[in-house]
Amino acid sequence: MDTELISTARLDLVPLSAAHAEEMATVLSSPALHTFTGGAPLTPAALRTRYERLVAGSPDPAVSWLNWVLRIRTDARLTGTVQTTVTGSEAEIAWVIGAPWQGRGFASEAAQGLVSWLAAHPAIRTVVAHIHPDHQASAAVATAAGLTPTGKWQDDEIRWQRPTHP
């Protein structure tokens, strides 16, 4: 699978490029974004290196790494990312919205757009997300995208999922 532009009502999900690193380092600069995932904000140089690695793709030919930056169409500002790792018929998704843009529904809109795009690919049968049990905002995003908690745990997070072709 390859990334392509995905448009929602307010956002363009733009395929990730290393050129996005400078702006995204500012978008992702809040330490609060790492409360549930760990780590710390990356410098522009470190983020560029990470993005170069992501764009190069998975070293495993059976796994696809697909990554997008989120651009608000009205002002062309980047606000966050969505990503999916596709293995076989399963797509694991994740999202992050920069602190200044949280609470405006951008994560839900982007996740819904991504899930719809994935559902249009017949090979994808299940969409999955792993969410910390205390991360209410991410639980709301997953719910908006049609995922439900399964009760299964992985690395202190709950597995959420939904079929793409019921």
C-alpha atoms as a PDB file:
ATOM      1  CA  MET A   1       0.000   0.000   0.000  1.00  0.00           C
ATOM      2  CA  ASP A   2       1.041   3.560  -0.613  1.00  0.00           C
ATOM      3  CA  THR A   3      -0.004   6.795   1.027  1.00  0.00           C
ATOM      4  CA  GLU A   4      -2.071   9.227  -0.950  1.00  0.00           C
ATOM      5  CA  LEU A   5      -3.784  12.491  -0.162  1.00  0.00           C
ATOM      6  CA  ILE A   6      -6.921  11.986   1.934  1.00  0.00           C
ATOM      7  CA  SER A   7      -9.319  14.901   2.345  1.00  0.00           C
ATOM      8  CA  THR A   8     -11.924  15.337   5.056  1.00  0.00           C
ATOM      9  CA  ALA A   9     -14.270  18.260   5.705  1.00  0.00           C
ATOM     10  CA  ARG A  10     -11.549  20.497   7.195  1.00  0.00           C
ATOM     11  CA  LEU A  11      -8.297  18.601   6.784  1.00  0.00           C
ATOM     12  CA  ASP A  12      -5.944  17.283   4.173  1.00  0.00           C
ATOM     13  CA  LEU A  13      -4.042  14.199   5.274  1.00  0.00           C
ATOM     14  CA  VAL A  14      -0.817  14.756   3.360  1.00  0.00           C
ATOM     15  CA  PRO A  15       1.674  11.919   2.859  1.00  0.00           C
ATOM     16  CA  LEU A  16       4.583  12.409   5.239  1.00  0.00           C
ATOM     17  CA  SER A  17       7.833  13.875   3.960  1.00  0.00           C
ATOM     18  CA  ALA A  18      11.095  14.630   5.734  1.00  0.00           C
ATOM     19  CA  ALA A  19      10.502  18.233   4.660  1.00  0.00           C
ATOM     20  CA  HIS A  20       7.670  18.395   7.233  1.00  0.00           C
ATOM     21  CA  ALA A  21      10.085  17.929  10.152  1.00  0.00           C
ATOM     22  CA  GLU A  22      10.797  21.596  10.900  1.00  0.00           C
ATOM     23  CA  GLU A  23       7.138  22.623  11.184  1.00  0.00           C
ATOM     24  CA  MET A  24       6.107  19.383  12.885  1.00  0.00           C
ATOM     25  CA  ALA A  25       8.806  19.770  15.555  1.00  0.00           C
ATOM     26  CA  THR A  26       6.972  22.926  16.646  1.00  0.00           C
ATOM     27  CA  VAL A  27       3.536  21.267  16.366  1.00  0.00           C
ATOM     28  CA  LEU A  28       4.700  18.337  18.521  1.00  0.00           C
ATOM     29  CA  SER A  29       6.795  20.370  20.973  1.00  0.00           C
ATOM     30  CA  SER A  30       4.544  20.036  24.026  1.00  0.00           C
ATOM     31  CA  PRO A  31       5.838  17.524  26.598  1.00  0.00           C
ATOM     32  CA  ALA A  32       2.177  16.856  27.496  1.00  0.00           C
ATOM     33  CA  LEU A  33       1.827  14.941  24.203  1.00  0.00           C
ATOM     34  CA  HIS A  34       4.030  12.231  25.723  1.00  0.00           C
ATOM     35  CA  THR A  35       2.051  11.699  28.923  1.00  0.00           C
ATOM     36  CA  PHE A  36       0.648   8.328  27.845  1.00  0.00           C
ATOM     37  CA  THR A  37       3.240   7.254  25.271  1.00  0.00           C
ATOM     38  CA  GLY A  38       6.478   8.197  26.967  1.00  0.00           C
ATOM     39  CA  GLY A  39       9.448   9.918  25.428  1.00  0.00           C
ATOM     40  CA  ALA A  40       9.965  13.609  24.840  1.00  0.00           C
ATOM     41  CA  PRO A  41       9.571  16.063  21.963  1.00  0.00           C
ATOM     42  CA  LEU A  42      12.160  15.631  19.219  1.00  0.00           C
ATOM     43  CA  THR A  43      14.339  18.351  17.767  1.00  0.00           C
ATOM     44  CA  PRO A  44      13.778  19.233  14.107  1.00  0.00           C
ATOM     45  CA  ALA A  45      16.924  17.289  13.155  1.00  0.00           C
ATOM     46  CA  ALA A  46      15.884  14.190  15.115  1.00  0.00           C
ATOM     47  CA  LEU A  47      12.372  14.393  13.701  1.00  0.00           C
ATOM     48  CA  ARG A  48      13.768  14.691  10.156  1.00  0.00           C
ATOM     49  CA  THR A  49      15.830  11.535  10.733  1.00  0.00           C
ATOM     50  CA  ARG A  50      12.737   9.753  12.068  1.00  0.00           C
ATOM     51  CA  TYR A  51      10.621  10.892   9.121  1.00  0.00           C
ATOM     52  CA  GLU A  52      13.292   9.778   6.646  1.00  0.00           C
ATOM     53  CA  ARG A  53      13.193   6.326   8.257  1.00  0.00           C
ATOM     54  CA  LEU A  54       9.389   6.198   8.167  1.00  0.00           C
ATOM     55  CA  VAL A  55       9.196   7.340   4.540  1.00  0.00           C
ATOM     56  CA  ALA A  56      11.783   4.714   3.542  1.00  0.00           C
ATOM     57  CA  GLY A  57       9.316   2.098   4.768  1.00  0.00           C
ATOM     58  CA  SER A  58       9.410  -0.996   6.868  1.00  0.00           C
ATOM     59  CA  PRO A  59      12.399  -3.294   6.469  1.00  0.00           C
ATOM     60  CA  ASP A  60       9.863  -6.153   6.476  1.00  0.00           C
ATOM     61  CA  PRO A  61       8.231  -6.405   3.032  1.00  0.00           C
ATOM     62  CA  ALA A  62       5.118  -7.895   4.669  1.00  0.00           C
ATOM     63  CA  VAL A  63       4.576  -4.703   6.688  1.00  0.00           C
ATOM     64  CA  SER A  64       3.592  -1.271   5.339  1.00  0.00           C
ATOM     65  CA  TRP A  65       4.219   1.939   7.249  1.00  0.00           C
ATOM     66  CA  LEU A  66       1.868   4.689   6.090  1.00  0.00           C
ATOM     67  CA  ASN A  67       2.139   8.158   7.613  1.00  0.00           C
ATOM     68  CA  TRP A  68       0.424  11.496   7.049  1.00  0.00           C
ATOM     69  CA  VAL A  69       0.662  15.013   8.435  1.00  0.00           C
ATOM     70  CA  LEU A  70      -2.605  16.838   9.022  1.00  0.00           C
ATOM     71  CA  ARG A  71      -3.052  20.189   7.335  1.00  0.00           C
ATOM     72  CA  ILE A  72      -5.960  22.478   8.155  1.00  0.00           C
ATOM     73  CA  ARG A  73      -7.179  23.522   4.747  1.00  0.00           C
ATOM     74  CA  THR A  74      -8.296  27.054   5.716  1.00  0.00           C
ATOM     75  CA  ASP A  75      -4.868  28.229   6.884  1.00  0.00           C
ATOM     76  CA  ALA A  76      -2.505  25.553   5.497  1.00  0.00           C
ATOM     77  CA  ARG A  77      -1.070  24.901   8.989  1.00  0.00           C
ATOM     78  CA  LEU A  78       0.101  21.477  10.054  1.00  0.00           C
ATOM     79  CA  THR A  79      -1.594  20.305  13.246  1.00  0.00           C
ATOM     80  CA  GLY A  80      -0.667  16.670  13.823  1.00  0.00           C
ATOM     81  CA  THR A  81      -0.210  13.231  12.324  1.00  0.00           C
ATOM     82  CA  VAL A  82      -2.012   9.979  11.662  1.00  0.00           C
ATOM     83  CA  GLN A  83      -0.374   6.717  10.832  1.00  0.00           C
ATOM     84  CA  THR A  84      -1.104   3.105  10.153  1.00  0.00           C
ATOM     85  CA  THR A  85       0.992  -0.014  10.151  1.00  0.00           C
ATOM     86  CA  VAL A  86      -0.523  -2.632   7.871  1.00  0.00           C
ATOM     87  CA  THR A  87       0.343  -6.274   8.470  1.00  0.00           C
ATOM     88  CA  GLY A  88      -1.642  -8.771   6.464  1.00  0.00           C
ATOM     89  CA  SER A  89      -5.310  -7.829   6.742  1.00  0.00           C
ATOM     90  CA  GLU A  90      -4.885  -5.711   9.883  1.00  0.00           C
ATOM     91  CA  ALA A  91      -4.197  -1.974  10.040  1.00  0.00           C
ATOM     92  CA  GLU A  92      -3.070  -0.522  13.363  1.00  0.00           C
ATOM     93  CA  ILE A  93      -3.705   3.208  13.551  1.00  0.00           C
ATOM     94  CA  ALA A  94      -2.490   6.046  15.755  1.00  0.00           C
ATOM     95  CA  TRP A  95      -2.863   9.815  15.864  1.00  0.00           C
ATOM     96  CA  VAL A  96      -1.471  12.870  17.603  1.00  0.00           C
ATOM     97  CA  ILE A  97      -2.672  16.461  17.513  1.00  0.00           C
ATOM     98  CA  GLY A  98      -0.493  19.353  18.614  1.00  0.00           C
ATOM     99  CA  ALA A  99      -1.581  20.856  21.927  1.00  0.00           C
ATOM    100  CA  PRO A 100      -2.829  24.193  20.486  1.00  0.00           C
ATOM    101  CA  TRP A 101      -5.285  22.359  18.186  1.00  0.00           C
ATOM    102  CA  GLN A 102      -6.668  19.815  20.646  1.00  0.00           C
ATOM    103  CA  GLY A 103     -10.342  19.839  21.558  1.00  0.00           C
ATOM    104  CA  ARG A 104     -11.511  20.924  18.102  1.00  0.00           C
ATOM    105  CA  GLY A 105     -12.330  17.489  16.695  1.00  0.00           C
ATOM    106  CA  PHE A 106      -9.325  17.294  14.369  1.00  0.00           C
ATOM    107  CA  ALA A 107      -8.141  13.915  15.701  1.00  0.00           C
ATOM    108  CA  SER A 108     -11.610  12.378  15.317  1.00  0.00           C
ATOM    109  CA  GLU A 109     -11.997  13.799  11.826  1.00  0.00           C
ATOM    110  CA  ALA A 110      -8.566  12.568  10.753  1.00  0.00           C
ATOM    111  CA  ALA A 111      -9.079   9.105  12.289  1.00  0.00           C
ATOM    112  CA  GLN A 112     -12.469   8.779  10.592  1.00  0.00           C
ATOM    113  CA  GLY A 113     -10.921   9.796   7.270  1.00  0.00           C
ATOM    114  CA  LEU A 114      -8.107   7.296   7.689  1.00  0.00           C
ATOM    115  CA  VAL A 115     -10.456   4.462   8.684  1.00  0.00           C
ATOM    116  CA  SER A 116     -12.694   5.199   5.675  1.00  0.00           C
ATOM    117  CA  TRP A 117      -9.645   5.167   3.401  1.00  0.00           C
ATOM    118  CA  LEU A 118      -8.490   1.849   4.881  1.00  0.00           C
ATOM    119  CA  ALA A 119     -11.987   0.350   4.540  1.00  0.00           C
ATOM    120  CA  ALA A 120     -11.879   1.136   0.808  1.00  0.00           C
ATOM    121  CA  HIS A 121      -9.017  -1.369   0.488  1.00  0.00           C
ATOM    122  CA  PRO A 122     -10.567  -4.857   0.355  1.00  0.00           C
ATOM    123  CA  ALA A 123      -7.445  -6.500   1.792  1.00  0.00           C
ATOM    124  CA  ILE A 124      -7.857  -4.602   5.084  1.00  0.00           C
ATOM    125  CA  ARG A 125     -10.296  -6.514   7.285  1.00  0.00           C
ATOM    126  CA  THR A 126      -9.630  -5.031  10.738  1.00  0.00           C
ATOM    127  CA  VAL A 127      -8.570  -1.635  12.062  1.00  0.00           C
ATOM    128  CA  VAL A 128      -6.903  -1.612  15.482  1.00  0.00           C
ATOM    129  CA  ALA A 129      -5.673   1.003  17.959  1.00  0.00           C
ATOM    130  CA  HIS A 130      -3.974   0.549  21.325  1.00  0.00           C
ATOM    131  CA  ILE A 131      -5.033   3.130  23.891  1.00  0.00           C
ATOM    132  CA  HIS A 132      -3.946   3.762  27.466  1.00  0.00           C
ATOM    133  CA  PRO A 133      -6.956   3.176  29.759  1.00  0.00           C
ATOM    134  CA  ASP A 134      -6.646   6.682  31.259  1.00  0.00           C
ATOM    135  CA  HIS A 135      -6.446   8.480  27.902  1.00  0.00           C
ATOM    136  CA  GLN A 136     -10.053   9.621  27.588  1.00  0.00           C
ATOM    137  CA  ALA A 137      -9.408  11.857  24.570  1.00  0.00           C
ATOM    138  CA  SER A 138      -7.951   8.990  22.536  1.00  0.00           C
ATOM    139  CA  ALA A 139     -10.801   6.717  23.611  1.00  0.00           C
ATOM    140  CA  ALA A 140     -13.218   9.345  22.264  1.00  0.00           C
ATOM    141  CA  VAL A 141     -11.304   9.496  18.968  1.00  0.00           C
ATOM    142  CA  ALA A 142     -11.365   5.704  18.638  1.00  0.00           C
ATOM    143  CA  THR A 143     -15.090   5.653  19.387  1.00  0.00           C
ATOM    144  CA  ALA A 144     -15.727   8.339  16.766  1.00  0.00           C
ATOM    145  CA  ALA A 145     -13.835   6.203  14.239  1.00  0.00           C
ATOM    146  CA  GLY A 146     -16.045   3.209  15.037  1.00  0.00           C
ATOM    147  CA  LEU A 147     -13.576   1.240  17.129  1.00  0.00           C
ATOM    148  CA  THR A 148     -14.620  -0.482  20.347  1.00  0.00           C
ATOM    149  CA  PRO A 149     -12.496  -1.777  23.243  1.00  0.00           C
ATOM    150  CA  THR A 150     -11.879  -5.511  23.186  1.00  0.00           C
ATOM    151  CA  GLY A 151     -10.726  -6.071  26.757  1.00  0.00           C
ATOM    152  CA  LYS A 152      -7.385  -7.380  25.432  1.00  0.00           C
ATOM    153  CA  TRP A 153      -4.245  -5.672  26.700  1.00  0.00           C
ATOM    154  CA  GLN A 154      -0.876  -5.018  25.106  1.00  0.00           C
ATOM    155  CA  ASP A 155       1.906  -3.089  26.850  1.00  0.00           C
ATOM    156  CA  ASP A 156      -0.450  -1.458  29.389  1.00  0.00           C
ATOM    157  CA  GLU A 157      -2.871  -0.377  26.658  1.00  0.00           C
ATOM    158  CA  ILE A 158      -6.285  -1.685  25.664  1.00  0.00           C
ATOM    159  CA  ARG A 159      -6.789  -3.024  22.158  1.00  0.00           C
ATOM    160  CA  TRP A 160      -9.629  -1.297  20.315  1.00  0.00           C
ATOM    161  CA  GLN A 161     -10.805  -2.562  16.944  1.00  0.00           C
ATOM    162  CA  ARG A 162     -13.448  -2.597  14.255  1.00  0.00           C
ATOM    163  CA  PRO A 163     -14.009  -4.672  11.155  1.00  0.00           C
ATOM    164  CA  THR A 164     -13.842  -2.787   7.871  1.00  0.00           C
ATOM    165  CA  HIS A 165     -16.183  -5.177   6.072  1.00  0.00           C
ATOM    166  CA  PRO A 166     -18.830  -6.466   8.503  1.00  0.00           C
END
